């Protein structure tokens, strides 16, 4: 049986400025280890440059109390739309999911910036859990960044 593509989406109001968030996530992701050390331990560049399509970065992070890693390809970076996607190439989550891509998009509605996280994935086995803990992680992560900026 073929795996069905699945999608989880969360949108978080971000009062600290969507431009700031987009700049941080695309151009300075290595700084996130300072901002959210309980969630992100490091972000290292493996290929290319930060904030550039085709670049590869490796994250060390803690999800559900477990230290994990993810090597990701940066693609579909669009400065005008304030959007970027991270395609998982290697890492712990690929034991449960295949074709996992996380897209982050900043949009402004009625003067309020919103950060939209979209997780596209396929379950490797139908009884694997959907990545709800990862969705919760990015929601909390967004709130932590906002608190840090206002800190």
Protein backbone atom coordinates (compact mmCIF):
# COMPACT_ATOMS: atom_id res chain seq x y z
CA UNK A 1 0.00 0.00 0.00
CA UNK A 2 1.37 3.40 -0.98
CA UNK A 3 1.86 6.00 1.72
CA UNK A 4 -0.52 8.92 1.63
CA UNK A 5 0.93 12.39 1.68
CA UNK A 6 -0.12 14.23 4.82
CA UNK A 7 0.05 17.83 5.98
CA UNK A 8 -0.06 19.63 9.33
CA UNK A 9 -0.40 23.40 9.51
CA UNK A 10 -0.10 25.84 12.40
CA UNK A 11 -0.34 29.62 12.35
CA UNK A 12 1.01 31.77 15.16
CA UNK A 13 0.49 35.53 15.58
CA UNK A 14 3.93 37.11 15.91
CA UNK A 15 3.97 40.63 17.33
CA UNK A 16 7.77 40.96 17.32
CA UNK A 17 7.89 41.54 13.54
CA UNK A 18 7.62 39.00 10.76
CA UNK A 19 10.60 40.49 8.92
CA UNK A 20 12.77 39.87 11.98
CA UNK A 21 11.54 36.27 12.22
CA UNK A 22 12.14 35.58 8.52
CA UNK A 23 15.63 37.08 8.67
CA UNK A 24 16.49 35.00 11.74
CA UNK A 25 15.20 31.69 10.32
CA UNK A 26 16.83 32.15 6.89
CA UNK A 27 20.01 34.20 7.38
CA UNK A 28 20.94 33.48 11.01
CA UNK A 29 19.53 30.08 12.02
CA UNK A 30 22.74 29.38 13.98
CA UNK A 31 21.64 32.18 16.36
CA UNK A 32 18.55 30.14 17.34
CA UNK A 33 20.67 27.98 19.65
CA UNK A 34 21.19 31.16 21.75
CA UNK A 35 17.50 32.09 21.56
CA UNK A 36 15.96 28.68 22.36
CA UNK A 37 18.76 26.55 23.89
CA UNK A 38 16.26 24.08 25.37
CA UNK A 39 14.99 23.30 21.87
CA UNK A 40 17.87 24.02 19.46
CA UNK A 41 21.43 23.10 20.44
CA UNK A 42 23.15 23.97 17.15
CA UNK A 43 22.72 24.76 13.47
CA UNK A 44 25.77 24.12 11.29
CA UNK A 45 26.28 24.92 7.64
CA UNK A 46 27.30 21.88 5.55
CA UNK A 47 27.08 23.32 2.05
CA UNK A 48 26.43 26.70 0.46
CA UNK A 49 25.54 29.80 2.48
CA UNK A 50 22.89 30.56 5.08
CA UNK A 51 19.82 32.06 3.44
CA UNK A 52 20.57 30.57 0.00
CA UNK A 53 18.57 28.02 -2.00
CA UNK A 54 20.39 24.70 -2.29
CA UNK A 55 22.34 25.14 0.94
CA UNK A 56 22.45 22.29 3.45
CA UNK A 57 22.29 22.81 7.21
CA UNK A 58 22.37 20.38 10.12
CA UNK A 59 20.35 20.95 13.27
CA UNK A 60 20.84 19.43 16.70
CA UNK A 61 17.63 19.82 18.67
CA UNK A 62 15.60 18.30 21.49
CA UNK A 63 12.16 16.89 20.68
CA UNK A 64 10.07 15.12 23.33
CA UNK A 65 13.07 15.14 25.67
CA UNK A 66 15.31 13.33 23.14
CA UNK A 67 18.33 14.85 21.42
CA UNK A 68 17.91 14.53 17.67
CA UNK A 69 19.55 15.66 14.45
CA UNK A 70 18.28 16.71 11.05
CA UNK A 71 20.20 17.53 7.90
CA UNK A 72 18.06 19.75 5.68
CA UNK A 73 18.17 21.30 2.23
CA UNK A 74 17.06 24.93 2.06
CA UNK A 75 14.83 25.49 -0.95
CA UNK A 76 11.96 27.60 -2.28
CA UNK A 77 13.41 30.62 -0.51
CA UNK A 78 11.33 33.62 -1.48
CA UNK A 79 12.29 36.93 0.12
CA UNK A 80 9.25 38.71 -1.33
CA UNK A 81 6.78 36.20 0.12
CA UNK A 82 8.95 35.73 3.24
CA UNK A 83 8.85 31.97 2.78
CA UNK A 84 11.41 29.16 2.97
CA UNK A 85 11.26 25.36 2.94
CA UNK A 86 13.52 22.86 4.67
CA UNK A 87 13.60 19.38 3.10
CA UNK A 88 14.85 16.64 5.40
CA UNK A 89 17.79 14.75 3.88
CA UNK A 90 18.89 12.81 6.98
CA UNK A 91 17.90 12.58 10.61
CA UNK A 92 15.93 10.90 13.36
CA UNK A 93 12.49 11.89 12.03
CA UNK A 94 13.16 10.08 8.75
CA UNK A 95 12.90 6.82 10.67
CA UNK A 96 9.14 7.53 10.91
CA UNK A 97 8.46 9.78 7.90
CA UNK A 98 9.59 10.11 4.33
CA UNK A 99 9.59 13.15 2.06
CA UNK A 100 9.35 15.47 5.06
CA UNK A 101 9.42 19.18 4.25
CA UNK A 102 8.81 22.04 6.68
CA UNK A 103 7.77 25.35 5.13
CA UNK A 104 7.77 28.61 7.09
CA UNK A 105 5.81 31.55 5.72
CA UNK A 106 5.36 35.04 7.16
CA UNK A 107 2.26 36.97 6.18
CA UNK A 108 0.61 40.13 7.42
CA UNK A 109 -3.15 40.36 7.89
CA UNK A 110 -4.80 43.53 9.17
CA UNK A 111 -1.46 44.81 10.45
CA UNK A 112 -0.63 41.61 12.35
CA UNK A 113 2.22 39.30 11.32
CA UNK A 114 1.52 35.57 11.32
CA UNK A 115 4.06 32.78 11.09
CA UNK A 116 2.61 29.77 9.25
CA UNK A 117 4.34 26.41 9.63
CA UNK A 118 3.44 23.65 7.17
CA UNK A 119 4.79 20.14 7.66
CA UNK A 120 4.39 17.93 4.57
CA UNK A 121 5.25 14.28 5.13
CA UNK A 122 4.39 10.66 4.48
CA UNK A 123 4.21 8.00 7.18
CA UNK A 124 6.61 5.14 6.50
CA UNK A 125 4.21 2.76 8.29
CA UNK A 126 0.49 3.48 8.65
CA UNK A 127 0.64 3.00 12.44
CA UNK A 128 3.46 5.55 12.92
CA UNK A 129 2.29 8.64 14.81
CA UNK A 130 1.66 11.84 12.90
CA UNK A 131 4.31 14.47 13.83
CA UNK A 132 2.07 16.43 16.19
CA UNK A 133 4.92 16.82 18.68
CA UNK A 134 6.98 18.46 15.92
CA UNK A 135 4.08 20.82 15.16
CA UNK A 136 3.85 21.70 18.86
CA UNK A 137 7.64 22.18 18.89
CA UNK A 138 7.53 24.80 16.09
CA UNK A 139 4.60 26.62 17.75
CA UNK A 140 6.47 26.84 21.08
CA UNK A 141 9.69 27.68 19.23
CA UNK A 142 7.95 30.64 17.53
CA UNK A 143 6.65 31.89 20.90
CA UNK A 144 10.13 31.52 22.43
CA UNK A 145 11.65 33.65 19.66
CA UNK A 146 8.99 36.31 20.18
CA UNK A 147 9.66 36.35 23.94
CA UNK A 148 13.41 36.59 23.29
CA UNK A 149 13.01 39.58 20.96
CA UNK A 150 10.82 41.36 23.52
CA UNK A 151 13.03 40.08 26.38
